[in-house]
């Protein structure tokens, strides 16, 4: 029998000394007082920005916030008050207004006893004509896999104005599962899988002790959206692959707990989806594609297994029926009808207003990715037979035109067509940002035979890519095979970790995938970059 204890109830009962305090990491988090996790800012507008901190007192604590144009706070230009309450895990947020557009500001929080938080730096969005704007794109940061060197590298840069995090900010798994052999010096709490509100809060608290994650929050405003692992693997509206109701309770309870902790710990508002105007240069849309309306993921593996007794011909027939039926169904959606209508209208309004670029900062890969027919041949005959079997199944699906990742937009082709058609009809210059897959992809998006935009899909901060599952395959060979099987795939890297940055001008967007030299130690040495550009009104990548 496993005894599960709610940490807040333990705290209220004064029983921590008998339970969680026996674990050093938990003790460090739960006994800390005062300002415990630095500062953060997010969701900037032209005249306002949301500010965050955490302060642990004996009860509800009123904090004062100051915003200044200089780091020494000689002239405070804005501020306000916020309550750090145990009801919200002692996290405090407020929106400060009255700021000038396109300006850097410094901010801090002050406790009733006069102690001060770290000083943070943030920036408002510009108005009018904008010559240049820099964005850093991040996803998939699994602490036990290694060091967050991608955050560290970006935090030193002076050409970024905004950080966008498209999810998998942390992972829900128990310690010792994914990875099976955690890296030394990268512990997480709690050690069990996150299921309850207390679990999710403690996992956030554990991650936010990382100095490089803390630093990037301190240096830049962030626009963030969850993906699946902030809840459980392969989340959809009605559940998740990594949620077992018979053991872990009702999904709606777990989902509510995860969402509450996210909104407490992240510099975000309560808006499920939103858009942000970067002067006349760009409109950045932040949709929600995971928990609010997503239809459950399909599984062509189950289709193949069900037809396997009939031999290869029956398997192929079943796959064709699956392709033409469930996979192409018009009612399959990631966002739901209401959000789709909001996004389609927003794209049209942005283009009609003369805004140069329409940026869609969302969670999962939009470009179509099918396996090369010779996929199984990439693994030597002496390789893992289970891996070869999986690759053969993926290749068989590919032969009838099916992609291999049903959790991405590839699993929702009708919804993707609706979105790209709306963007094309509105004459948008669409730039899609994505994460989730752990691999780096640069894709040219099309609909009805016409170019619709480009996608910069980011690789992970630490989570492993295909190199972990195909160790005998040279990454360059795999990338070449994938590009050959997918005409719209302009760039692929399946073996390195890092982040993406965009430099936007009215005439061009230049995106670069930055690859850190290692995640096995804390260093940014050896970071390299590769990039692609898209010219305005071209809707496809310029020749390299």
Protein backbone atom coordinates (compact mmCIF):
# COMPACT_ATOMS: atom_id res chain seq x y z
CA UNK A 1 0.00 0.00 0.00
CA UNK A 2 1.27 3.48 -0.90
CA UNK A 3 0.59 6.26 1.55
CA UNK A 4 -0.04 9.59 -0.21
CA UNK A 5 0.07 12.78 1.83
CA UNK A 6 -1.06 16.24 0.77
CA UNK A 7 1.81 18.56 1.67
CA UNK A 8 -0.41 21.55 2.39
CA UNK A 9 -2.42 19.49 4.87
CA UNK A 10 0.82 18.30 6.44
CA UNK A 11 2.02 21.87 6.73
CA UNK A 12 -1.23 22.93 8.35
CA UNK A 13 -0.90 20.06 10.82
CA UNK A 14 2.74 20.77 11.55
CA UNK A 15 3.67 17.27 10.48
CA UNK A 16 6.34 17.99 7.91
CA UNK A 17 9.09 16.91 10.24
CA UNK A 18 7.76 13.37 10.06
CA UNK A 19 7.24 13.26 6.32
CA UNK A 20 8.68 15.42 3.59
CA UNK A 21 11.40 17.07 5.64
CA UNK A 22 13.25 13.77 5.63
CA UNK A 23 14.10 14.53 1.97
CA UNK A 24 16.75 17.28 1.66
CA UNK A 25 15.35 18.78 -1.54
CA UNK A 26 11.86 19.01 -0.11
CA UNK A 27 13.22 20.47 3.10
CA UNK A 28 15.05 23.22 1.22
CA UNK A 29 11.89 24.21 -0.63
CA UNK A 30 9.39 23.92 2.19
CA UNK A 31 11.42 25.60 4.93
CA UNK A 32 12.51 28.60 2.84
CA UNK A 33 11.12 31.96 3.95
CA UNK A 34 10.99 35.40 2.37
CA UNK A 35 11.61 35.76 -1.38
CA UNK A 36 12.31 32.19 -2.45
CA UNK A 37 12.29 31.96 -6.25
CA UNK A 38 13.36 35.24 -7.78
CA UNK A 39 11.14 37.26 -10.10
CA UNK A 40 9.55 36.92 -13.52
CA UNK A 41 7.55 38.97 -16.00
CA UNK A 42 5.21 38.08 -18.81
CA UNK A 43 2.50 38.92 -21.31
CA UNK A 44 3.75 42.41 -22.13
CA UNK A 45 1.60 45.00 -23.89
CA UNK A 46 2.50 48.47 -25.13
CA UNK A 47 1.78 50.11 -21.77
CA UNK A 48 1.72 47.27 -19.25
CA UNK A 49 3.32 44.01 -18.17
CA UNK A 50 2.54 41.24 -15.68
CA UNK A 51 5.05 40.80 -12.83
CA UNK A 52 5.56 37.74 -10.60
CA UNK A 53 7.38 36.75 -7.43
CA UNK A 54 7.05 34.35 -4.52
CA UNK A 55 7.26 35.34 -0.88
CA UNK A 56 6.73 32.97 2.05
CA UNK A 57 5.58 34.63 5.25
CA UNK A 58 3.58 33.48 8.23
CA UNK A 59 0.29 34.37 6.52
CA UNK A 60 -0.99 36.50 3.64
CA UNK A 61 1.67 39.13 2.96
CA UNK A 62 1.15 42.41 1.13
CA UNK A 63 4.09 43.17 -1.14
CA UNK A 64 4.89 46.49 -2.71
CA UNK A 65 6.19 46.56 -6.29
CA UNK A 66 8.34 49.26 -7.87
CA UNK A 67 9.06 49.76 -11.58
CA UNK A 68 11.86 52.05 -12.68
CA UNK A 69 13.49 53.15 -15.91
CA UNK A 70 16.92 52.66 -14.29
CA UNK A 71 18.42 49.79 -12.35
CA UNK A 72 19.10 51.98 -9.31
CA UNK A 73 15.43 52.93 -8.93
CA UNK A 74 16.19 56.64 -8.81
CA UNK A 75 12.85 57.38 -10.44
CA UNK A 76 10.01 54.95 -9.87
CA UNK A 77 7.55 55.25 -12.76
CA UNK A 78 4.97 52.60 -11.86
CA UNK A 79 4.16 49.86 -9.39
CA UNK A 80 1.44 48.53 -7.17
CA UNK A 81 0.66 45.98 -4.51
CA UNK A 82 0.21 42.22 -4.60
CA UNK A 83 -0.70 39.62 -2.00
CA UNK A 84 1.49 36.56 -1.54
CA UNK A 85 -0.95 34.06 -0.09
CA UNK A 86 -0.60 30.41 0.98
CA UNK A 87 -3.84 29.88 -0.96
CA UNK A 88 -1.79 30.44 -4.13
CA UNK A 89 1.37 28.70 -2.91
CA UNK A 90 2.68 32.12 -1.81
CA UNK A 91 2.99 33.30 -5.41
CA UNK A 92 2.09 36.93 -6.13
CA UNK A 93 1.26 38.57 -9.44
CA UNK A 94 0.12 41.96 -10.62
CA UNK A 95 -0.18 43.90 -13.86
CA UNK A 96 1.61 47.26 -13.79
CA UNK A 97 0.35 49.93 -16.18
CA UNK A 98 1.23 53.44 -17.28
CA UNK A 99 4.45 52.36 -19.01
CA UNK A 100 5.90 53.72 -22.26
CA UNK A 101 5.89 51.47 -25.36
CA UNK A 102 9.00 49.63 -26.48
CA UNK A 103 11.04 50.37 -23.35
CA UNK A 104 13.17 48.32 -20.96
CA UNK A 105 12.25 48.62 -17.29
CA UNK A 106 13.56 47.31 -14.00
CA UNK A 107 11.31 46.06 -11.22
CA UNK A 108 11.44 44.66 -7.70
CA UNK A 109 9.16 43.65 -4.85
CA UNK A 110 9.48 44.91 -1.27
CA UNK A 111 8.21 43.02 1.77
CA UNK A 112 6.67 44.68 4.85
CA UNK A 113 9.98 44.33 6.74
CA UNK A 114 11.84 46.17 3.96
CA UNK A 115 13.57 43.17 2.40
CA UNK A 116 13.73 43.29 -1.36
CA UNK A 117 13.47 40.70 -4.08
CA UNK A 118 15.99 40.33 -6.85
CA UNK A 119 15.78 43.07 -9.46
CA UNK A 120 14.17 41.94 -12.68
CA UNK A 121 14.29 43.42 -16.16
CA UNK A 122 11.34 43.53 -18.53
CA UNK A 123 10.20 45.24 -21.70
CA UNK A 124 6.96 46.61 -23.12
CA UNK A 125 5.91 45.93 -26.69
CA UNK A 126 6.47 48.66 -29.28
CA UNK A 127 3.85 50.60 -31.24
CA UNK A 128 3.98 51.98 -34.77
CA UNK A 129 6.82 51.11 -37.11
CA UNK A 130 9.35 48.62 -35.75
CA UNK A 131 12.75 48.13 -37.39
CA UNK A 132 13.72 44.95 -35.54
CA UNK A 133 12.40 42.60 -32.86
CA UNK A 134 14.05 39.51 -31.36
CA UNK A 135 12.30 36.42 -29.98
CA UNK A 136 13.73 33.38 -28.19
CA UNK A 137 11.73 30.13 -28.54
CA UNK A 138 11.97 27.32 -25.98
CA UNK A 139 10.31 23.99 -25.21
CA UNK A 140 10.82 20.62 -23.55
CA UNK A 141 13.06 21.14 -20.54
CA UNK A 142 13.44 17.90 -18.57
CA UNK A 143 15.76 18.59 -15.65
CA UNK A 144 17.05 15.05 -14.91
CA UNK A 145 18.28 14.77 -18.52
CA UNK A 146 20.79 17.58 -18.09
CA UNK A 147 21.64 21.24 -17.62
CA UNK A 148 19.55 24.08 -19.00
CA UNK A 149 22.39 25.54 -21.06
CA UNK A 150 19.95 26.79 -23.68
CA UNK A 151 18.44 29.17 -21.11
CA UNK A 152 21.90 30.22 -20.01
CA UNK A 153 23.00 31.02 -23.57
CA UNK A 154 19.92 33.09 -24.35
CA UNK A 155 20.12 34.98 -21.05
CA UNK A 156 23.41 36.58 -22.10
CA UNK A 157 22.07 37.97 -25.36
CA UNK A 158 21.26 41.61 -26.03
CA UNK A 159 19.31 41.09 -29.27
CA UNK A 160 16.27 39.35 -27.75
CA UNK A 161 13.20 41.33 -26.66
CA UNK A 162 10.84 38.53 -25.70
CA UNK A 163 10.96 34.86 -24.68
CA UNK A 164 8.27 32.49 -25.92
CA UNK A 165 7.89 29.13 -24.17
CA UNK A 166 5.56 26.73 -25.96
CA UNK A 167 5.41 24.09 -23.31
CA UNK A 168 6.80 21.07 -21.50
CA UNK A 169 8.29 23.57 -19.06
CA UNK A 170 8.66 20.56 -16.77
CA UNK A 171 7.82 16.84 -16.92
CA UNK A 172 5.39 15.03 -14.67
CA UNK A 173 7.18 11.69 -14.42
CA UNK A 174 8.50 10.16 -11.23
CA UNK A 175 12.21 10.52 -10.57
CA UNK A 176 14.04 7.66 -12.28
CA UNK A 177 11.58 7.36 -15.16
CA UNK A 178 12.39 9.30 -18.34
CA UNK A 179 15.25 9.30 -17.82
CA UNK A 180 15.82 5.95 -16.20
CA UNK A 181 19.27 7.14 -15.11
CA UNK A 182 18.96 10.78 -13.98
CA UNK A 183 21.99 12.98 -14.35
CA UNK A 184 23.89 13.66 -11.16
CA UNK A 185 23.20 17.06 -9.69
CA UNK A 186 19.78 17.36 -11.38
CA UNK A 187 17.28 16.22 -8.76
CA UNK A 188 13.56 16.99 -8.88
CA UNK A 189 10.81 17.02 -6.31
CA UNK A 190 8.57 15.32 -5.57
CA UNK A 191 10.16 12.00 -6.37
CA UNK A 192 6.76 10.54 -7.28
CA UNK A 193 4.77 11.39 -10.43
CA UNK A 194 2.90 14.68 -10.13
CA UNK A 195 -0.82 13.98 -9.65
CA UNK A 196 -2.11 16.24 -6.87
CA UNK A 197 -2.02 20.02 -6.53
CA UNK A 198 0.73 19.68 -3.93
CA UNK A 199 2.75 17.56 -6.35
CA UNK A 200 2.50 20.04 -9.20
CA UNK A 201 3.38 22.95 -6.93
CA UNK A 202 6.43 21.18 -5.58
CA UNK A 203 7.61 20.27 -9.08
CA UNK A 204 7.38 23.93 -10.10
CA UNK A 205 9.26 24.96 -6.96
CA UNK A 206 11.95 22.39 -7.71
CA UNK A 207 12.48 23.51 -11.30
CA UNK A 208 12.46 27.20 -10.47
CA UNK A 209 15.50 26.71 -8.24
CA UNK A 210 17.54 26.09 -11.38
CA UNK A 211 19.80 29.15 -11.76
CA UNK A 212 19.60 29.37 -15.55
CA UNK A 213 15.81 29.09 -15.70
CA UNK A 214 15.61 31.66 -12.92
CA UNK A 215 18.00 33.95 -14.80
CA UNK A 216 16.12 33.95 -18.08
CA UNK A 217 12.91 34.83 -16.21
CA UNK A 218 14.78 37.65 -14.49
CA UNK A 219 16.15 39.07 -17.75
CA UNK A 220 13.21 38.92 -20.21
CA UNK A 221 9.42 39.01 -20.35
CA UNK A 222 7.91 35.68 -21.34
CA UNK A 223 4.80 34.62 -23.22
CA UNK A 224 4.13 31.04 -22.16
CA UNK A 225 1.64 28.29 -22.84
CA UNK A 226 1.51 24.79 -21.44
CA UNK A 227 1.80 21.66 -23.56
CA UNK A 228 1.10 18.15 -22.28
CA UNK A 229 3.74 17.40 -19.65
CA UNK A 230 2.61 20.21 -17.39
CA UNK A 231 -0.40 17.88 -17.03
CA UNK A 232 0.52 14.35 -18.23
CA UNK A 233 1.96 12.86 -21.39
CA UNK A 234 -0.21 13.17 -24.53
CA UNK A 235 -2.93 15.18 -22.86
CA UNK A 236 -6.25 15.77 -24.61
CA UNK A 237 -9.56 17.20 -23.45
CA UNK A 238 -10.79 14.01 -21.84
CA UNK A 239 -7.62 12.48 -20.46
CA UNK A 240 -4.00 11.62 -21.19
CA UNK A 241 -1.85 8.64 -22.12
CA UNK A 242 -0.10 8.96 -18.76
CA UNK A 243 -3.24 9.14 -16.65
CA UNK A 244 -4.83 6.00 -15.23
CA UNK A 245 -8.20 6.84 -13.63
CA UNK A 246 -8.30 3.61 -11.63
CA UNK A 247 -5.04 4.53 -9.89
CA UNK A 248 -4.83 8.33 -10.18
CA UNK A 249 -8.43 9.41 -9.84
CA UNK A 250 -10.69 11.57 -11.95
CA UNK A 251 -8.95 13.33 -14.85
CA UNK A 252 -10.82 16.59 -14.30
CA UNK A 253 -9.44 16.82 -10.76
CA UNK A 254 -5.86 16.26 -11.92
CA UNK A 255 -6.27 18.68 -14.81
CA UNK A 256 -7.64 21.39 -12.49
CA UNK A 257 -4.74 20.89 -10.08
CA UNK A 258 -2.14 21.15 -12.85
CA UNK A 259 -3.76 24.24 -14.33
CA UNK A 260 -4.00 25.96 -10.94
CA UNK A 261 -0.33 25.34 -10.17
CA UNK A 262 0.66 26.58 -13.62
CA UNK A 263 -1.26 29.81 -13.23
CA UNK A 264 0.22 30.31 -9.77
CA UNK A 265 3.85 29.76 -10.73
CA UNK A 266 4.03 31.19 -14.24
CA UNK A 267 3.93 34.88 -15.28
CA UNK A 268 0.65 34.38 -17.12
CA UNK A 269 -2.88 35.73 -16.95
CA UNK A 270 -6.00 33.57 -16.77
CA UNK A 271 -6.68 33.98 -20.52
CA UNK A 272 -6.82 30.56 -22.15
CA UNK A 273 -5.62 32.02 -25.45
CA UNK A 274 -4.58 35.52 -26.46
CA UNK A 275 -2.76 37.71 -28.99
CA UNK A 276 -0.04 40.35 -28.66
CA UNK A 277 0.66 43.24 -31.02
CA UNK A 278 4.29 44.10 -31.81
CA UNK A 279 3.68 47.46 -33.46
CA UNK A 280 3.08 47.22 -37.20
CA UNK A 281 5.67 44.44 -37.41
CA UNK A 282 3.79 41.40 -36.11
CA UNK A 283 0.80 39.98 -34.31
CA UNK A 284 1.78 37.08 -32.07
CA UNK A 285 -1.03 34.61 -31.38
CA UNK A 286 -0.84 32.25 -28.40
CA UNK A 287 -3.47 29.53 -28.85
CA UNK A 288 -4.25 26.59 -26.56
CA UNK A 289 -4.06 23.23 -28.32
CA UNK A 290 -3.98 20.71 -25.47
CA UNK A 291 -6.68 20.52 -22.82
CA UNK A 292 -9.58 22.81 -23.66
CA UNK A 293 -10.98 21.16 -26.80
CA UNK A 294 -8.49 18.69 -28.32
CA UNK A 295 -9.99 15.49 -29.71
CA UNK A 296 -8.28 12.34 -28.49
CA UNK A 297 -5.24 11.12 -30.43
CA UNK A 298 -5.66 8.34 -32.97
CA UNK A 299 -3.49 5.20 -32.97
CA UNK A 300 -2.72 3.55 -36.30
CA UNK A 301 -0.69 0.94 -34.40
CA UNK A 302 -3.91 -0.42 -32.94
CA UNK A 303 -5.44 -0.51 -36.43
CA UNK A 304 -2.51 -2.55 -37.72
CA UNK A 305 -2.60 -4.91 -34.75
CA UNK A 306 -6.28 -5.56 -35.29
CA UNK A 307 -5.72 -6.51 -38.92
CA UNK A 308 -2.44 -8.39 -38.47
CA UNK A 309 -3.98 -11.88 -38.56
CA UNK A 310 -5.14 -11.27 -42.11
CA UNK A 311 -1.62 -10.65 -43.34
CA UNK A 312 -0.01 -7.65 -45.08
CA UNK A 313 -2.89 -7.15 -47.53
CA UNK A 314 -5.44 -6.82 -44.73
CA UNK A 315 -3.14 -4.47 -42.83
CA UNK A 316 -2.79 -2.23 -45.87
CA UNK A 317 -6.55 -2.27 -46.42
CA UNK A 318 -7.20 -1.38 -42.78
CA UNK A 319 -4.74 1.51 -42.98
CA UNK A 320 -6.43 2.90 -46.09
CA UNK A 321 -9.81 2.74 -44.35
CA UNK A 322 -8.31 4.44 -41.32
CA UNK A 323 -6.75 7.15 -43.53
CA UNK A 324 -9.95 7.88 -45.43
CA UNK A 325 -12.18 7.65 -42.39
CA UNK A 326 -11.14 8.60 -38.83
CA UNK A 327 -7.88 10.35 -39.76
CA UNK A 328 -9.48 12.69 -42.30
CA UNK A 329 -12.59 13.36 -40.21
CA UNK A 330 -13.61 17.02 -40.33
CA UNK A 331 -14.64 17.10 -36.69
CA UNK A 332 -11.18 16.31 -35.34
CA UNK A 333 -9.73 19.43 -33.72
CA UNK A 334 -6.95 20.70 -31.50
CA UNK A 335 -8.59 24.00 -30.55
CA UNK A 336 -12.35 23.60 -30.90
CA UNK A 337 -14.72 25.62 -33.09
CA UNK A 338 -14.81 28.71 -30.87
CA UNK A 339 -11.05 29.11 -30.68
CA UNK A 340 -10.61 28.30 -34.36
CA UNK A 341 -13.05 31.11 -35.22
CA UNK A 342 -11.16 33.50 -32.92
CA UNK A 343 -7.83 32.64 -34.52
CA UNK A 344 -9.07 32.79 -38.12
CA UNK A 345 -10.63 36.22 -37.49
CA UNK A 346 -7.51 37.42 -35.71
CA UNK A 347 -5.30 36.39 -38.60
CA UNK A 348 -7.56 38.19 -41.07
CA UNK A 349 -7.77 41.33 -38.94
CA UNK A 350 -4.00 41.43 -38.49
CA UNK A 351 -3.27 41.14 -42.21
CA UNK A 352 -5.99 43.62 -43.12
CA UNK A 353 -4.55 46.19 -40.69
CA UNK A 354 -1.24 46.13 -42.54
CA UNK A 355 0.70 44.19 -39.90
CA UNK A 356 3.61 42.56 -41.70
CA UNK A 357 3.85 39.15 -40.01
CA UNK A 358 1.37 36.83 -38.32
CA UNK A 359 3.22 34.67 -35.77
CA UNK A 360 1.52 31.59 -34.36
CA UNK A 361 3.30 30.53 -31.15
CA UNK A 362 1.73 27.13 -30.48
CA UNK A 363 2.70 23.80 -29.07
CA UNK A 364 3.01 20.97 -31.61
CA UNK A 365 4.66 20.52 -35.01
CA UNK A 366 2.46 21.69 -37.90
CA UNK A 367 4.58 20.59 -40.87
CA UNK A 368 3.73 17.20 -42.33
CA UNK A 369 6.27 14.48 -41.47
CA UNK A 370 6.06 11.04 -43.05
CA UNK A 371 8.61 8.28 -42.62
CA UNK A 372 10.85 7.33 -45.54
CA UNK A 373 9.88 3.96 -47.05
CA UNK A 374 13.27 2.53 -46.13
CA UNK A 375 12.88 3.57 -42.48
CA UNK A 376 13.45 0.09 -41.04
CA UNK A 377 16.57 -0.36 -43.17
CA UNK A 378 18.22 2.48 -41.26
CA UNK A 379 18.62 0.11 -38.32
CA UNK A 380 21.17 -2.70 -38.81
CA UNK A 381 19.87 -6.26 -38.93
CA UNK A 382 21.69 -6.82 -35.64
CA UNK A 383 19.91 -3.85 -34.06
CA UNK A 384 17.08 -3.91 -31.53
CA UNK A 385 14.30 -6.05 -33.07
CA UNK A 386 11.61 -4.05 -31.27
CA UNK A 387 12.89 -0.84 -32.81
CA UNK A 388 12.94 -2.45 -36.26
CA UNK A 389 9.37 -3.68 -35.77
CA UNK A 390 8.15 -0.21 -34.83
CA UNK A 391 9.95 1.35 -37.78
CA UNK A 392 8.46 -1.20 -40.15
CA UNK A 393 4.99 -0.30 -38.89
CA UNK A 394 5.70 3.40 -39.36
CA UNK A 395 6.98 2.74 -42.88
CA UNK A 396 3.87 0.71 -43.72
CA UNK A 397 1.68 3.60 -42.62
CA UNK A 398 3.77 5.98 -44.67
CA UNK A 399 3.17 3.93 -47.83
CA UNK A 400 -0.53 4.79 -47.67
CA UNK A 401 0.17 8.45 -46.94
CA UNK A 402 -0.05 8.43 -43.14
CA UNK A 403 2.35 10.43 -40.93
CA UNK A 404 4.06 8.95 -37.91
CA UNK A 405 3.12 11.40 -35.14
CA UNK A 406 -0.60 11.44 -34.41
CA UNK A 407 -0.12 13.80 -31.46
CA UNK A 408 0.99 16.67 -33.72
CA UNK A 409 -1.05 18.55 -36.34
CA UNK A 410 -0.38 15.51 -38.54
CA UNK A 411 -3.03 13.72 -36.49
CA UNK A 412 -5.56 16.46 -37.24
CA UNK A 413 -5.20 17.15 -40.98
CA UNK A 414 -8.63 18.73 -41.48
CA UNK A 415 -8.02 21.23 -38.68
CA UNK A 416 -4.62 22.06 -40.17
CA UNK A 417 -6.15 22.64 -43.58
CA UNK A 418 -8.78 24.95 -42.09
CA UNK A 419 -6.13 27.05 -40.38
CA UNK A 420 -3.74 27.27 -43.33
CA UNK A 421 -6.59 28.01 -45.73
CA UNK A 422 -7.79 30.83 -43.47
CA UNK A 423 -4.28 32.27 -43.34
CA UNK A 424 -3.85 32.01 -47.11
CA UNK A 425 -7.23 33.54 -47.87
CA UNK A 426 -6.44 36.44 -45.53
CA UNK A 427 -3.13 37.03 -47.35
CA UNK A 428 -1.18 36.44 -44.16
CA UNK A 429 2.59 36.14 -43.90
CA UNK A 430 2.38 33.24 -41.49
CA UNK A 431 5.28 32.19 -39.26
CA UNK A 432 4.47 29.17 -37.09
CA UNK A 433 6.48 28.38 -33.95
CA UNK A 434 6.35 24.94 -32.33
CA UNK A 435 8.02 22.65 -29.82
CA UNK A 436 7.05 19.24 -28.38
CA UNK A 437 8.96 16.86 -30.68
CA UNK A 438 12.47 17.43 -29.17
CA UNK A 439 13.84 17.69 -32.71
CA UNK A 440 14.54 20.70 -34.94
CA UNK A 441 12.41 21.12 -38.05
CA UNK A 442 12.12 23.86 -40.64
CA UNK A 443 9.01 23.34 -42.77
CA UNK A 444 7.32 25.09 -45.65
CA UNK A 445 3.56 24.99 -45.15
CA UNK A 446 1.12 24.80 -48.05
CA UNK A 447 -2.58 24.36 -48.71
CA UNK A 448 -4.50 23.83 -51.95
CA UNK A 449 -1.19 23.80 -53.81
CA UNK A 450 -0.16 27.27 -52.61
CA UNK A 451 2.50 28.35 -50.11
CA UNK A 452 0.88 29.36 -46.82
CA UNK A 453 3.82 30.11 -44.54
CA UNK A 454 6.81 28.61 -42.78
CA UNK A 455 7.40 26.83 -39.50
CA UNK A 456 10.33 27.02 -37.10
CA UNK A 457 9.83 23.97 -34.88
CA UNK A 458 12.22 24.08 -31.98
CA UNK A 459 14.29 21.28 -30.55
CA UNK A 460 14.35 20.69 -26.82
CA UNK A 461 16.26 22.31 -24.00
CA UNK A 462 17.26 18.85 -22.69
CA UNK A 463 14.75 16.14 -23.67
CA UNK A 464 16.21 13.54 -26.07
CA UNK A 465 15.47 13.44 -29.79
CA UNK A 466 15.63 10.53 -32.18
CA UNK A 467 19.29 9.96 -31.36
CA UNK A 468 18.15 8.23 -28.16
CA UNK A 469 15.98 5.74 -30.04
CA UNK A 470 18.11 5.25 -33.16
CA UNK A 471 21.65 5.34 -31.75
CA UNK A 472 23.07 3.30 -34.61
CA UNK A 473 21.79 5.72 -37.26
CA UNK A 474 23.97 8.69 -38.16
CA UNK A 475 21.90 11.84 -37.54
CA UNK A 476 22.90 13.26 -40.93
CA UNK A 477 21.64 10.11 -42.67
CA UNK A 478 18.33 10.24 -40.81
CA UNK A 479 17.86 13.92 -41.59
CA UNK A 480 18.60 13.30 -45.28
CA UNK A 481 16.09 10.44 -45.42
CA UNK A 482 13.40 12.52 -43.74
CA UNK A 483 13.94 15.45 -46.08
CA UNK A 484 13.74 13.11 -49.04
CA UNK A 485 10.39 11.75 -47.87
CA UNK A 486 8.92 15.17 -47.07
CA UNK A 487 9.18 17.78 -49.83
CA UNK A 488 8.16 20.61 -47.49
CA UNK A 489 10.89 19.81 -44.97
CA UNK A 490 13.71 22.30 -45.51
CA UNK A 491 15.73 21.59 -42.37
CA UNK A 492 16.01 18.77 -39.85
CA UNK A 493 18.26 17.96 -36.92
CA UNK A 494 17.36 15.03 -34.70
CA UNK A 495 20.31 14.81 -32.34
CA UNK A 496 21.11 18.11 -30.64
CA UNK A 497 19.58 20.22 -27.89
CA UNK A 498 19.12 24.00 -27.64
CA UNK A 499 16.64 26.68 -28.68
CA UNK A 500 15.51 28.87 -31.58
CA UNK A 501 15.80 32.62 -32.00
CA UNK A 502 14.06 34.87 -34.50
CA UNK A 503 15.19 38.24 -35.72
CA UNK A 504 12.21 39.97 -37.31
CA UNK A 505 12.28 42.98 -39.61
CA UNK A 506 9.56 44.32 -41.92
CA UNK A 507 11.21 42.62 -44.90
CA UNK A 508 12.51 39.35 -43.43
CA UNK A 509 12.36 36.87 -40.59
CA UNK A 510 15.64 35.12 -39.84
CA UNK A 511 15.31 32.05 -37.65
CA UNK A 512 18.25 30.20 -36.16
CA UNK A 513 18.42 26.88 -34.36
CA UNK A 514 21.08 27.16 -31.66
CA UNK A 515 22.70 23.88 -30.62
CA UNK A 516 24.45 23.76 -27.26
CA UNK A 517 27.70 21.81 -27.09
CA UNK A 518 26.55 19.62 -24.21
CA UNK A 519 23.89 19.23 -21.53
CA UNK A 520 26.09 16.93 -19.42
CA UNK A 521 27.70 19.87 -17.66
CA UNK A 522 26.76 23.48 -17.02
CA UNK A 523 28.41 25.40 -19.86
CA UNK A 524 27.48 27.29 -23.02
CA UNK A 525 30.83 26.58 -24.69
CA UNK A 526 30.59 25.00 -28.10
CA UNK A 527 27.19 26.42 -29.03
CA UNK A 528 26.66 26.49 -32.80
CA UNK A 529 23.84 27.74 -35.03
CA UNK A 530 22.11 27.02 -38.33
CA UNK A 531 19.39 29.16 -39.83
CA UNK A 532 16.80 29.85 -42.51
CA UNK A 533 15.15 33.09 -43.62
CA UNK A 534 11.80 33.94 -45.12
CA UNK A 535 11.22 37.12 -47.10
CA UNK A 536 8.01 39.06 -46.66
CA UNK A 537 5.29 37.96 -49.10
CA UNK A 538 7.27 34.86 -50.15
CA UNK A 539 5.78 32.40 -47.62
CA UNK A 540 8.63 29.95 -48.14
CA UNK A 541 12.24 29.82 -47.07
CA UNK A 542 14.81 31.72 -49.08
CA UNK A 543 17.49 29.54 -50.70
CA UNK A 544 20.23 28.80 -48.18
